Amino acid sequence: MTVVESIDGRPGVVMRLLATLKTLLLGTLFCTTPVTAVLVLGWLMRRMRWQAGATGATRPGWFLGERGSSWLGRLLGGFAANVREGVLATISLFLATMPFSVIWLLSWWAGWENSFSKGYEQAWVGPVLGMTGVVLFCLIMIWLPLALVHQAVENRALALFEWQRVRSVVRHTRWDYLLFAVFSVVLALPLFGQRSLVVFASDLIPGFDSMSVQLTTDIAALISLLTAGYVFVSLVILRGWSARIYVRAVGRALQGPESDLWQSTPIAPPSIGSRSWKLTHWLRASFLGIIWFGLVSQIFVGQFMNHDWHLWVTHPFTLLPWAG
C-alpha cells in the first residue's frame, strides 16, 4: 500500500490532497466572475444531491463526465451538468430573491438618489421600501436554504417552489437549523468587511493614498481572489451542512402525517421519530427570522460603504457564489 493508492484501490492521501487542491483552485477562479459563478452553483447543487444520498448521484466533477459514457460525454459531461444545474438554480434563486432585491433597488433609487437630487418631498418612500424588503428577506430566508437543497435532490427545474414539501421539511428541522443560520451570518462577516474595505483602505493599508495605480489595482485583484476562495470554501461548508439537515428532516417527515408528501423522494433518509409541536415550529421560525436579520444588516450597512447597485441583487449566500 502507498500514499498514492490505498489497499482497496481507492485514492491515497496524496491523490486526495491533490484532488482537494484542484477543487479549491478551480472553485476560487470560477467565483471571480458572475458568468463562471453559475458553474460553481451547478457544482454545489450536484454536490448537495450526492451528499444527501440521492439515487444515482455521484461525486461531481468540474469537466469530466461519468465513466462508460460516450467520449464526448466523458470529456465534457461534468461541465454540461454544471451549466445545466447552475442555470436552473440561478433562475429559481433569482425568482425567489426578486421580491426583496427589487424592492431594495427601488428603495435605493427612491431613497438615496432622491436625497442626492434634493427631492425631499417623497423622502419617506426609500426607508419604507427598504424596511419592507428587510421583512421579506427575513421571511424568505427561513425556507430558502432547504428549498435549494430540495431542488438539488429532486434535480428538477423550479422544484425550489414546491411549497408543501419545502414547508414540510423546514417544519421537521430541529435546533441545528438555527445553528446553521447563526453560522451563516458569522461566515458572511468577512464578505461585509470586503465590501466595506474601499472606505477604510487608506487607514488599513499604510501609504495607500500614495501608491501607484498599478499597485492599487494589483492589491484589489489579490483581495478579490482571496475573497473568491473564501466564498467557495464557505459555501462548500454551508451547502453540505444544509444537505445533512434536509436528510434528517425528511426522515422525520416520513414518520408523521406528512409522509405521503415524501413517498417519491429519491433519498433514503434514516428513520427519525418524534415530531415537534406546532408551537415549537413557530418559535423556531421566529428565531430564524431574527437571526437572518443579522445578514440583511450586513447587506444594508455594506451598501452605504459601497454603492454598486448589483450588491442589492446578489450576495454569495443568497444568489450566485460570486465574489463581486
C-alpha atoms as a PDB file:
ATOM      1  CA  MET A   1       0.000   0.000   0.000  1.00  0.00           C
ATOM      2  CA  THR A   2       1.245   3.511  -0.829  1.00  0.00           C
ATOM      3  CA  VAL A   3       0.142   7.010  -0.007  1.00  0.00           C
ATOM      4  CA  VAL A   4      -0.932   7.314  -3.638  1.00  0.00           C
ATOM      5  CA  GLU A   5      -3.303   4.357  -3.719  1.00  0.00           C
ATOM      6  CA  SER A   6      -4.787   2.513  -0.742  1.00  0.00           C
ATOM      7  CA  ILE A   7      -5.040  -1.249  -0.467  1.00  0.00           C
ATOM      8  CA  ASP A   8      -8.699  -1.323  -1.560  1.00  0.00           C
ATOM      9  CA  GLY A   9      -7.998   0.619  -4.742  1.00  0.00           C
ATOM     10  CA  ARG A  10      -9.303   3.954  -3.512  1.00  0.00           C
ATOM     11  CA  PRO A  11      -7.187   7.098  -3.896  1.00  0.00           C
ATOM     12  CA  GLY A  12      -4.491   7.518  -1.281  1.00  0.00           C
ATOM     13  CA  VAL A  13      -3.631  10.537   0.803  1.00  0.00           C
ATOM     14  CA  VAL A  14      -1.587  12.287  -1.871  1.00  0.00           C
ATOM     15  CA  MET A  15      -4.233  11.827  -4.558  1.00  0.00           C
ATOM     16  CA  ARG A  16      -6.980  13.082  -2.246  1.00  0.00           C
ATOM     17  CA  LEU A  17      -4.921  16.146  -1.340  1.00  0.00           C
ATOM     18  CA  LEU A  18      -4.242  16.885  -4.994  1.00  0.00           C
ATOM     19  CA  ALA A  19      -7.939  16.493  -5.841  1.00  0.00           C
ATOM     20  CA  THR A  20      -8.883  18.829  -2.975  1.00  0.00           C
ATOM     21  CA  LEU A  21      -6.329  21.388  -4.119  1.00  0.00           C
ATOM     22  CA  LYS A  22      -7.622  21.222  -7.697  1.00  0.00           C
ATOM     23  CA  THR A  23     -11.201  21.689  -6.492  1.00  0.00           C
ATOM     24  CA  LEU A  24     -10.173  24.673  -4.357  1.00  0.00           C
ATOM     25  CA  LEU A  25      -8.244  26.345  -7.175  1.00  0.00           C
ATOM     26  CA  LEU A  26     -10.938  25.874  -9.790  1.00  0.00           C
ATOM     27  CA  GLY A  27     -13.727  26.846  -7.407  1.00  0.00           C
ATOM     28  CA  THR A  28     -11.841  30.000  -6.424  1.00  0.00           C
ATOM     29  CA  LEU A  29     -11.206  31.036 -10.018  1.00  0.00           C
ATOM     30  CA  PHE A  30     -14.808  30.370 -11.039  1.00  0.00           C
ATOM     31  CA  CYS A  31     -16.107  32.523  -8.159  1.00  0.00           C
ATOM     32  CA  THR A  32     -14.331  35.598  -9.535  1.00  0.00           C
ATOM     33  CA  THR A  33     -16.873  36.355 -12.298  1.00  0.00           C
ATOM     34  CA  PRO A  34     -20.685  36.178 -12.365  1.00  0.00           C
ATOM     35  CA  VAL A  35     -20.681  34.015 -15.507  1.00  0.00           C
ATOM     36  CA  THR A  36     -18.353  31.317 -14.183  1.00  0.00           C
ATOM     37  CA  ALA A  37     -20.070  31.515 -10.772  1.00  0.00           C
ATOM     38  CA  VAL A  38     -23.002  29.755 -12.453  1.00  0.00           C
ATOM     39  CA  LEU A  39     -20.711  26.732 -12.878  1.00  0.00           C
ATOM     40  CA  VAL A  40     -19.908  26.797  -9.156  1.00  0.00           C
ATOM     41  CA  LEU A  41     -23.606  26.952  -8.293  1.00  0.00           C
ATOM     42  CA  GLY A  42     -24.278  23.960 -10.529  1.00  0.00           C
ATOM     43  CA  TRP A  43     -21.375  22.051  -8.974  1.00  0.00           C
ATOM     44  CA  LEU A  44     -22.690  22.832  -5.488  1.00  0.00           C
ATOM     45  CA  MET A  45     -26.169  21.622  -6.474  1.00  0.00           C
ATOM     46  CA  ARG A  46     -24.762  18.312  -7.698  1.00  0.00           C
ATOM     47  CA  ARG A  47     -22.615  18.016  -4.590  1.00  0.00           C
ATOM     48  CA  MET A  48     -25.630  18.541  -2.317  1.00  0.00           C
ATOM     49  CA  ARG A  49     -27.517  15.811  -4.160  1.00  0.00           C
ATOM     50  CA  TRP A  50     -24.566  13.460  -3.738  1.00  0.00           C
ATOM     51  CA  GLN A  51     -24.183  14.319  -0.025  1.00  0.00           C
ATOM     52  CA  ALA A  52     -27.897  13.734   0.526  1.00  0.00           C
ATOM     53  CA  GLY A  53     -27.511  10.240  -0.948  1.00  0.00           C
ATOM     54  CA  ALA A  54     -29.981  10.723  -3.806  1.00  0.00           C
ATOM     55  CA  THR A  55     -30.462   7.760  -6.106  1.00  0.00           C
ATOM     56  CA  GLY A  56     -27.915   7.760  -8.933  1.00  0.00           C
ATOM     57  CA  ALA A  57     -25.999  10.758  -7.588  1.00  0.00           C
ATOM     58  CA  THR A  58     -22.201  10.662  -7.879  1.00  0.00           C
ATOM     59  CA  ARG A  59     -19.442  12.921  -6.637  1.00  0.00           C
ATOM     60  CA  PRO A  60     -19.465  15.897  -9.037  1.00  0.00           C
ATOM     61  CA  GLY A  61     -16.554  16.908 -11.197  1.00  0.00           C
ATOM     62  CA  TRP A  62     -15.853  20.186 -12.953  1.00  0.00           C
ATOM     63  CA  PHE A  63     -15.469  18.907 -16.515  1.00  0.00           C
ATOM     64  CA  LEU A  64     -15.340  15.120 -16.888  1.00  0.00           C
ATOM     65  CA  GLY A  65     -18.488  13.032 -17.114  1.00  0.00           C
ATOM     66  CA  GLU A  66     -19.104   9.537 -15.789  1.00  0.00           C
ATOM     67  CA  ARG A  67     -17.026   6.580 -16.903  1.00  0.00           C
ATOM     68  CA  GLY A  68     -18.707   4.432 -19.516  1.00  0.00           C
ATOM     69  CA  SER A  69     -20.370   7.356 -21.293  1.00  0.00           C
ATOM     70  CA  SER A  70     -19.544   8.393 -24.857  1.00  0.00           C
ATOM     71  CA  TRP A  71     -16.209  10.099 -25.499  1.00  0.00           C
ATOM     72  CA  LEU A  72     -17.908  13.479 -25.658  1.00  0.00           C
ATOM     73  CA  GLY A  73     -19.911  12.763 -22.521  1.00  0.00           C
ATOM     74  CA  ARG A  74     -16.769  11.636 -20.735  1.00  0.00           C
ATOM     75  CA  LEU A  75     -14.868  14.736 -21.869  1.00  0.00           C
ATOM     76  CA  LEU A  76     -17.492  17.404 -21.127  1.00  0.00           C
ATOM     77  CA  GLY A  77     -20.314  15.643 -19.266  1.00  0.00           C
ATOM     78  CA  GLY A  78     -19.485  17.195 -15.905  1.00  0.00           C
ATOM     79  CA  PHE A  79     -19.174  20.659 -17.405  1.00  0.00           C
ATOM     80  CA  ALA A  80     -22.524  20.335 -19.176  1.00  0.00           C
ATOM     81  CA  ALA A  81     -24.213  19.098 -15.971  1.00  0.00           C
ATOM     82  CA  ASN A  82     -22.766  22.025 -14.005  1.00  0.00           C
ATOM     83  CA  VAL A  83     -24.012  24.509 -16.595  1.00  0.00           C
ATOM     84  CA  ARG A  84     -27.484  22.969 -16.715  1.00  0.00           C
ATOM     85  CA  GLU A  85     -27.997  22.825 -12.964  1.00  0.00           C
ATOM     86  CA  GLY A  86     -26.309  26.167 -12.413  1.00  0.00           C
ATOM     87  CA  VAL A  87     -28.629  27.922 -14.852  1.00  0.00           C
ATOM     88  CA  LEU A  88     -31.723  26.265 -13.393  1.00  0.00           C
ATOM     89  CA  ALA A  89     -30.670  27.097  -9.831  1.00  0.00           C
ATOM     90  CA  THR A  90     -29.876  30.690 -10.814  1.00  0.00           C
ATOM     91  CA  ILE A  91     -33.339  31.107 -12.301  1.00  0.00           C
ATOM     92  CA  SER A  92     -35.002  29.651  -9.196  1.00  0.00           C
ATOM     93  CA  LEU A  93     -32.923  31.745  -6.802  1.00  0.00           C
ATOM     94  CA  PHE A  94     -33.461  34.903  -8.834  1.00  0.00           C
ATOM     95  CA  LEU A  95     -37.221  34.409  -8.737  1.00  0.00           C
ATOM     96  CA  ALA A  96     -37.132  33.601  -5.008  1.00  0.00           C
ATOM     97  CA  THR A  97     -34.980  36.592  -4.050  1.00  0.00           C
ATOM     98  CA  MET A  98     -36.527  39.039  -6.505  1.00  0.00           C
ATOM     99  CA  PRO A  99     -39.295  40.192  -4.087  1.00  0.00           C
ATOM    100  CA  PHE A 100     -36.801  41.776  -1.680  1.00  0.00           C
ATOM    101  CA  SER A 101     -33.933  42.593  -4.066  1.00  0.00           C
ATOM    102  CA  VAL A 102     -36.141  44.547  -6.480  1.00  0.00           C
ATOM    103  CA  ILE A 103     -37.721  46.411  -3.561  1.00  0.00           C
ATOM    104  CA  TRP A 104     -34.225  47.293  -2.314  1.00  0.00           C
ATOM    105  CA  LEU A 105     -33.277  48.628  -5.732  1.00  0.00           C
ATOM    106  CA  LEU A 106     -36.388  50.798  -5.718  1.00  0.00           C
ATOM    107  CA  SER A 107     -35.562  51.879  -2.172  1.00  0.00           C
ATOM    108  CA  TRP A 108     -32.047  52.864  -3.275  1.00  0.00           C
ATOM    109  CA  TRP A 109     -33.447  54.884  -6.148  1.00  0.00           C
ATOM    110  CA  ALA A 110     -36.272  56.493  -4.144  1.00  0.00           C
ATOM    111  CA  GLY A 111     -34.180  56.993  -1.005  1.00  0.00           C
ATOM    112  CA  TRP A 112     -30.533  57.793  -1.631  1.00  0.00           C
ATOM    113  CA  GLU A 113     -30.972  59.107  -5.149  1.00  0.00           C
ATOM    114  CA  ASN A 114     -33.953  61.162  -4.017  1.00  0.00           C
ATOM    115  CA  SER A 115     -31.823  62.735  -1.296  1.00  0.00           C
ATOM    116  CA  PHE A 116     -28.945  63.443  -3.651  1.00  0.00           C
ATOM    117  CA  SER A 117     -31.265  65.205  -6.091  1.00  0.00           C
ATOM    118  CA  LYS A 118     -32.937  67.193  -3.258  1.00  0.00           C
ATOM    119  CA  GLY A 119     -36.369  65.671  -3.809  1.00  0.00           C
ATOM    120  CA  TYR A 120     -37.224  65.571  -0.138  1.00  0.00           C
ATOM    121  CA  GLU A 121     -40.999  65.633  -0.568  1.00  0.00           C
ATOM    122  CA  GLN A 122     -41.017  61.854  -1.130  1.00  0.00           C
ATOM    123  CA  ALA A 123     -38.058  61.050   1.104  1.00  0.00           C
ATOM    124  CA  TRP A 124     -40.195  58.610   3.127  1.00  0.00           C
ATOM    125  CA  VAL A 125     -40.553  56.246   0.144  1.00  0.00           C
ATOM    126  CA  GLY A 126     -36.985  54.936   0.344  1.00  0.00           C
ATOM    127  CA  PRO A 127     -36.981  53.905   4.031  1.00  0.00           C
ATOM    128  CA  VAL A 128     -40.456  52.338   3.816  1.00  0.00           C
ATOM    129  CA  LEU A 129     -39.496  50.277   0.770  1.00  0.00           C
ATOM    130  CA  GLY A 130     -36.189  49.320   2.366  1.00  0.00           C
ATOM    131  CA  MET A 131     -37.782  48.023   5.571  1.00  0.00           C
ATOM    132  CA  THR A 132     -40.423  46.153   3.569  1.00  0.00           C
ATOM    133  CA  GLY A 133     -37.607  44.394   1.736  1.00  0.00           C
ATOM    134  CA  VAL A 134     -35.925  43.573   5.047  1.00  0.00           C
ATOM    135  CA  VAL A 135     -39.064  41.861   6.353  1.00  0.00           C
ATOM    136  CA  LEU A 136     -39.447  39.881   3.122  1.00  0.00           C
ATOM    137  CA  PHE A 137     -35.776  38.864   3.251  1.00  0.00           C
ATOM    138  CA  CYS A 138     -36.055  37.515   6.796  1.00  0.00           C
ATOM    139  CA  LEU A 139     -39.212  35.566   5.923  1.00  0.00           C
ATOM    140  CA  ILE A 140     -37.900  34.084   2.678  1.00  0.00           C
ATOM    141  CA  MET A 141     -34.589  33.047   4.243  1.00  0.00           C
ATOM    142  CA  ILE A 142     -36.455  30.837   6.725  1.00  0.00           C
ATOM    143  CA  TRP A 143     -37.173  28.446   3.840  1.00  0.00           C
ATOM    144  CA  LEU A 144     -34.666  29.296   1.091  1.00  0.00           C
ATOM    145  CA  PRO A 145     -31.597  27.252   2.210  1.00  0.00           C
ATOM    146  CA  LEU A 146     -33.564  23.991   2.413  1.00  0.00           C
ATOM    147  CA  ALA A 147     -35.642  24.846  -0.656  1.00  0.00           C
ATOM    148  CA  LEU A 148     -32.377  24.994  -2.590  1.00  0.00           C
ATOM    149  CA  VAL A 149     -31.382  21.571  -1.263  1.00  0.00           C
ATOM    150  CA  HIS A 150     -34.797  20.275  -2.286  1.00  0.00           C
ATOM    151  CA  GLN A 151     -34.260  21.380  -5.884  1.00  0.00           C
ATOM    152  CA  ALA A 152     -30.799  19.805  -5.852  1.00  0.00           C
ATOM    153  CA  VAL A 153     -32.130  16.488  -4.533  1.00  0.00           C
ATOM    154  CA  GLU A 154     -35.113  16.386  -6.872  1.00  0.00           C
ATOM    155  CA  ASN A 155     -32.966  17.501  -9.841  1.00  0.00           C
ATOM    156  CA  ARG A 156     -35.967  19.235 -11.336  1.00  0.00           C
ATOM    157  CA  ALA A 157     -36.441  22.787 -12.587  1.00  0.00           C
ATOM    158  CA  LEU A 158     -38.239  25.112 -10.150  1.00  0.00           C
ATOM    159  CA  ALA A 159     -38.540  22.372  -7.505  1.00  0.00           C
ATOM    160  CA  LEU A 160     -37.455  25.121  -5.111  1.00  0.00           C
ATOM    161  CA  PHE A 161     -41.054  26.392  -5.277  1.00  0.00           C
ATOM    162  CA  GLU A 162     -42.759  23.133  -4.257  1.00  0.00           C
ATOM    163  CA  TRP A 163     -44.207  24.883  -1.266  1.00  0.00           C
ATOM    164  CA  GLN A 164     -45.879  21.962   0.521  1.00  0.00           C
ATOM    165  CA  ARG A 165     -42.744  19.834   0.582  1.00  0.00           C
ATOM    166  CA  VAL A 166     -40.395  22.714   1.401  1.00  0.00           C
ATOM    167  CA  ARG A 167     -42.651  23.826   4.255  1.00  0.00           C
ATOM    168  CA  SER A 168     -42.792  20.237   5.475  1.00  0.00           C
ATOM    169  CA  VAL A 169     -39.019  19.817   5.538  1.00  0.00           C
ATOM    170  CA  VAL A 170     -38.498  23.132   7.366  1.00  0.00           C
ATOM    171  CA  ARG A 171     -41.218  22.175   9.843  1.00  0.00           C
ATOM    172  CA  HIS A 172     -39.323  18.972  10.678  1.00  0.00           C
ATOM    173  CA  THR A 173     -35.962  20.604  11.301  1.00  0.00           C
ATOM    174  CA  ARG A 174     -34.537  20.874  14.778  1.00  0.00           C
ATOM    175  CA  TRP A 175     -32.472  23.484  16.556  1.00  0.00           C
ATOM    176  CA  ASP A 176     -29.434  22.645  14.416  1.00  0.00           C
ATOM    177  CA  TYR A 177     -31.122  24.647  11.661  1.00  0.00           C
ATOM    178  CA  LEU A 178     -30.857  27.717  13.891  1.00  0.00           C
ATOM    179  CA  LEU A 179     -27.177  26.986  14.449  1.00  0.00           C
ATOM    180  CA  PHE A 180     -26.774  26.761  10.675  1.00  0.00           C
ATOM    181  CA  ALA A 181     -28.343  30.222  10.294  1.00  0.00           C
ATOM    182  CA  VAL A 182     -26.119  31.705  13.014  1.00  0.00           C
ATOM    183  CA  PHE A 183     -23.033  30.210  11.407  1.00  0.00           C
ATOM    184  CA  SER A 184     -24.107  31.583   8.014  1.00  0.00           C
ATOM    185  CA  VAL A 185     -24.371  35.109   9.411  1.00  0.00           C
ATOM    186  CA  VAL A 186     -20.958  34.789  11.085  1.00  0.00           C
ATOM    187  CA  LEU A 187     -19.335  33.456   7.914  1.00  0.00           C
ATOM    188  CA  ALA A 188     -20.776  36.409   5.985  1.00  0.00           C
ATOM    189  CA  LEU A 189     -18.920  38.943   8.161  1.00  0.00           C
ATOM    190  CA  PRO A 190     -15.650  38.856   6.147  1.00  0.00           C
ATOM    191  CA  LEU A 191     -17.671  39.483   2.976  1.00  0.00           C
ATOM    192  CA  PHE A 192     -19.218  42.502   4.661  1.00  0.00           C
ATOM    193  CA  GLY A 193     -15.692  43.646   5.540  1.00  0.00           C
ATOM    194  CA  GLN A 194     -14.524  43.173   1.949  1.00  0.00           C
ATOM    195  CA  ARG A 195     -17.408  45.255   0.611  1.00  0.00           C
ATOM    196  CA  SER A 196     -16.598  47.986   3.122  1.00  0.00           C
ATOM    197  CA  LEU A 197     -12.844  47.925   2.519  1.00  0.00           C
ATOM    198  CA  VAL A 198     -12.985  50.661  -0.109  1.00  0.00           C
ATOM    199  CA  VAL A 199     -13.899  53.189   2.605  1.00  0.00           C
ATOM    200  CA  PHE A 200     -11.182  52.221   5.095  1.00  0.00           C
ATOM    201  CA  ALA A 201      -8.371  51.213   2.710  1.00  0.00           C
ATOM    202  CA  SER A 202      -6.375  54.386   3.441  1.00  0.00           C
ATOM    203  CA  ASP A 203      -6.453  53.695   7.171  1.00  0.00           C
ATOM    204  CA  LEU A 204      -5.770  49.956   6.987  1.00  0.00           C
ATOM    205  CA  ILE A 205      -3.031  49.920   4.338  1.00  0.00           C
ATOM    206  CA  PRO A 206      -0.066  52.225   5.137  1.00  0.00           C
ATOM    207  CA  GLY A 207       0.749  54.566   2.263  1.00  0.00           C
ATOM    208  CA  PHE A 208      -2.268  53.508   0.236  1.00  0.00           C
ATOM    209  CA  ASP A 209      -3.065  57.031  -0.974  1.00  0.00           C
ATOM    210  CA  SER A 210       0.417  57.479  -2.433  1.00  0.00           C
ATOM    211  CA  MET A 211       0.536  54.111  -4.216  1.00  0.00           C
ATOM    212  CA  SER A 212       0.619  53.899  -7.987  1.00  0.00           C
ATOM    213  CA  VAL A 213      -2.494  52.970  -9.916  1.00  0.00           C
ATOM    214  CA  GLN A 214      -0.897  49.665 -10.953  1.00  0.00           C
ATOM    215  CA  LEU A 215      -0.083  48.724  -7.368  1.00  0.00           C
ATOM    216  CA  THR A 216      -3.563  49.532  -6.078  1.00  0.00           C
ATOM    217  CA  THR A 217      -5.021  47.532  -8.967  1.00  0.00           C
ATOM    218  CA  ASP A 218      -2.829  44.557  -8.034  1.00  0.00           C
ATOM    219  CA  ILE A 219      -3.909  44.812  -4.387  1.00  0.00           C
ATOM    220  CA  ALA A 220      -7.560  44.944  -5.411  1.00  0.00           C
ATOM    221  CA  ALA A 221      -7.085  41.868  -7.627  1.00  0.00           C
ATOM    222  CA  LEU A 222      -5.437  39.952  -4.782  1.00  0.00           C
ATOM    223  CA  ILE A 223      -8.250  40.860  -2.387  1.00  0.00           C
ATOM    224  CA  SER A 224     -10.823  39.740  -4.965  1.00  0.00           C
ATOM    225  CA  LEU A 225      -9.032  36.409  -5.410  1.00  0.00           C
ATOM    226  CA  LEU A 226      -8.813  35.802  -1.662  1.00  0.00           C
ATOM    227  CA  THR A 227     -12.480  36.723  -1.318  1.00  0.00           C
ATOM    228  CA  ALA A 228     -13.399  34.271  -4.067  1.00  0.00           C
ATOM    229  CA  GLY A 229     -11.540  31.497  -2.257  1.00  0.00           C
ATOM    230  CA  TYR A 230     -13.320  32.362   0.975  1.00  0.00           C
ATOM    231  CA  VAL A 231     -16.717  32.384  -0.760  1.00  0.00           C
ATOM    232  CA  PHE A 232     -16.092  28.961  -2.276  1.00  0.00           C
ATOM    233  CA  VAL A 233     -14.919  27.308   0.954  1.00  0.00           C
ATOM    234  CA  SER A 234     -17.757  28.874   2.953  1.00  0.00           C
ATOM    235  CA  LEU A 235     -20.391  27.651   0.513  1.00  0.00           C
ATOM    236  CA  VAL A 236     -18.951  24.140   0.416  1.00  0.00           C
ATOM    237  CA  ILE A 237     -19.348  24.050   4.204  1.00  0.00           C
ATOM    238  CA  LEU A 238     -22.802  25.635   4.316  1.00  0.00           C
ATOM    239  CA  ARG A 239     -24.337  23.722   1.413  1.00  0.00           C
ATOM    240  CA  GLY A 240     -23.073  20.418   2.798  1.00  0.00           C
ATOM    241  CA  TRP A 241     -24.481  21.279   6.221  1.00  0.00           C
ATOM    242  CA  SER A 242     -27.886  22.220   4.789  1.00  0.00           C
ATOM    243  CA  ALA A 243     -27.980  18.940   2.824  1.00  0.00           C
ATOM    244  CA  ARG A 244     -27.495  16.949   6.036  1.00  0.00           C
ATOM    245  CA  ILE A 245     -30.215  18.953   7.797  1.00  0.00           C
ATOM    246  CA  TYR A 246     -32.549  18.256   4.869  1.00  0.00           C
ATOM    247  CA  VAL A 247     -31.961  14.494   5.004  1.00  0.00           C
ATOM    248  CA  ARG A 248     -32.706  14.315   8.729  1.00  0.00           C
ATOM    249  CA  ALA A 249     -35.804  16.495   8.351  1.00  0.00           C
ATOM    250  CA  VAL A 250     -37.180  14.278   5.573  1.00  0.00           C
ATOM    251  CA  GLY A 251     -36.551  11.258   7.803  1.00  0.00           C
ATOM    252  CA  ARG A 252     -38.736  12.814  10.486  1.00  0.00           C
ATOM    253  CA  ALA A 253     -41.412  13.829   7.990  1.00  0.00           C
ATOM    254  CA  LEU A 254     -41.658  10.227   6.774  1.00  0.00           C
ATOM    255  CA  GLN A 255     -42.674   9.146  10.288  1.00  0.00           C
ATOM    256  CA  GLY A 256     -45.603  11.563  10.583  1.00  0.00           C
ATOM    257  CA  PRO A 257     -48.869  12.535   8.888  1.00  0.00           C
ATOM    258  CA  GLU A 258     -46.982  14.262   6.054  1.00  0.00           C
ATOM    259  CA  SER A 259     -45.295  11.054   4.957  1.00  0.00           C
ATOM    260  CA  ASP A 260     -47.338  10.928   1.734  1.00  0.00           C
ATOM    261  CA  LEU A 261     -45.501  14.016   0.516  1.00  0.00           C
ATOM    262  CA  TRP A 262     -42.197  12.137   0.637  1.00  0.00           C
ATOM    263  CA  GLN A 263     -43.011   8.708  -0.769  1.00  0.00           C
ATOM    264  CA  SER A 264     -41.357   9.602  -4.087  1.00  0.00           C
ATOM    265  CA  THR A 265     -38.221  11.187  -2.615  1.00  0.00           C
ATOM    266  CA  PRO A 266     -35.009   9.963  -4.286  1.00  0.00           C
ATOM    267  CA  ILE A 267     -33.161   9.754  -0.968  1.00  0.00           C
ATOM    268  CA  ALA A 268     -33.282   7.090   1.738  1.00  0.00           C
ATOM    269  CA  PRO A 269     -33.108   9.059   4.988  1.00  0.00           C
ATOM    270  CA  PRO A 270     -32.755   7.380   8.394  1.00  0.00           C
ATOM    271  CA  SER A 271     -35.971   6.793  10.314  1.00  0.00           C
ATOM    272  CA  ILE A 272     -36.152   9.531  12.931  1.00  0.00           C
ATOM    273  CA  GLY A 273     -39.241   9.846  15.069  1.00  0.00           C
ATOM    274  CA  SER A 274     -40.612  12.473  17.425  1.00  0.00           C
ATOM    275  CA  ARG A 275     -42.414  15.251  15.588  1.00  0.00           C
ATOM    276  CA  SER A 276     -42.128  18.738  17.024  1.00  0.00           C
ATOM    277  CA  TRP A 277     -45.117  20.673  18.315  1.00  0.00           C
ATOM    278  CA  LYS A 278     -46.549  23.424  16.152  1.00  0.00           C
ATOM    279  CA  LEU A 279     -45.672  25.940  18.848  1.00  0.00           C
ATOM    280  CA  THR A 280     -42.050  24.802  18.733  1.00  0.00           C
ATOM    281  CA  HIS A 281     -42.033  25.149  14.945  1.00  0.00           C
ATOM    282  CA  TRP A 282     -43.329  28.713  15.022  1.00  0.00           C
ATOM    283  CA  LEU A 283     -40.943  29.615  17.821  1.00  0.00           C
ATOM    284  CA  ARG A 284     -38.070  28.246  15.785  1.00  0.00           C
ATOM    285  CA  ALA A 285     -39.260  30.142  12.686  1.00  0.00           C
ATOM    286  CA  SER A 286     -39.383  33.366  14.700  1.00  0.00           C
ATOM    287  CA  PHE A 287     -35.823  32.856  15.900  1.00  0.00           C
ATOM    288  CA  LEU A 288     -34.724  32.138  12.331  1.00  0.00           C
ATOM    289  CA  GLY A 289     -36.194  35.424  11.127  1.00  0.00           C
ATOM    290  CA  ILE A 290     -34.331  37.273  13.877  1.00  0.00           C
ATOM    291  CA  ILE A 291     -31.050  35.513  13.058  1.00  0.00           C
ATOM    292  CA  TRP A 292     -31.294  36.258   9.338  1.00  0.00           C
ATOM    293  CA  PHE A 293     -31.755  39.919  10.245  1.00  0.00           C
ATOM    294  CA  GLY A 294     -28.037  39.788  11.039  1.00  0.00           C
ATOM    295  CA  LEU A 295     -27.259  39.055   7.397  1.00  0.00           C
ATOM    296  CA  VAL A 296     -29.568  41.693   5.979  1.00  0.00           C
ATOM    297  CA  SER A 297     -27.996  44.226   8.346  1.00  0.00           C
ATOM    298  CA  GLN A 298     -24.615  43.451   6.816  1.00  0.00           C
ATOM    299  CA  ILE A 299     -26.049  43.944   3.323  1.00  0.00           C
ATOM    300  CA  PHE A 300     -27.581  47.301   4.217  1.00  0.00           C
ATOM    301  CA  VAL A 301     -24.581  48.734   6.064  1.00  0.00           C
ATOM    302  CA  GLY A 302     -22.235  47.408   3.381  1.00  0.00           C
ATOM    303  CA  GLN A 303     -24.263  49.236   0.747  1.00  0.00           C
ATOM    304  CA  PHE A 304     -23.567  52.553   2.470  1.00  0.00           C
ATOM    305  CA  MET A 305     -19.868  51.740   2.106  1.00  0.00           C
ATOM    306  CA  ASN A 306     -20.069  50.510  -1.478  1.00  0.00           C
ATOM    307  CA  HIS A 307     -22.816  51.953  -3.694  1.00  0.00           C
ATOM    308  CA  ASP A 308     -22.602  49.407  -6.550  1.00  0.00           C
ATOM    309  CA  TRP A 309     -26.232  48.679  -7.411  1.00  0.00           C
ATOM    310  CA  HIS A 310     -25.682  44.975  -8.131  1.00  0.00           C
ATOM    311  CA  LEU A 311     -24.810  44.354  -4.463  1.00  0.00           C
ATOM    312  CA  TRP A 312     -28.514  44.739  -3.694  1.00  0.00           C
ATOM    313  CA  VAL A 313     -29.354  41.942  -6.100  1.00  0.00           C
ATOM    314  CA  THR A 314     -26.729  39.326  -5.342  1.00  0.00           C
ATOM    315  CA  HIS A 315     -24.994  38.066  -2.242  1.00  0.00           C
ATOM    316  CA  PRO A 316     -22.872  34.885  -2.377  1.00  0.00           C
ATOM    317  CA  PHE A 317     -25.053  33.246   0.280  1.00  0.00           C
ATOM    318  CA  THR A 318     -28.374  34.050  -1.406  1.00  0.00           C
ATOM    319  CA  LEU A 319     -27.812  34.019  -5.167  1.00  0.00           C
ATOM    320  CA  LEU A 320     -24.630  33.490  -7.178  1.00  0.00           C
ATOM    321  CA  PRO A 321     -21.378  32.406  -5.472  1.00  0.00           C
ATOM    322  CA  TRP A 322     -19.679  35.446  -6.965  1.00  0.00           C
ATOM    323  CA  ALA A 323     -17.118  37.450  -5.024  1.00  0.00           C
ATOM    324  CA  GLY A 324     -18.186  40.664  -6.767  1.00  0.00           C
END
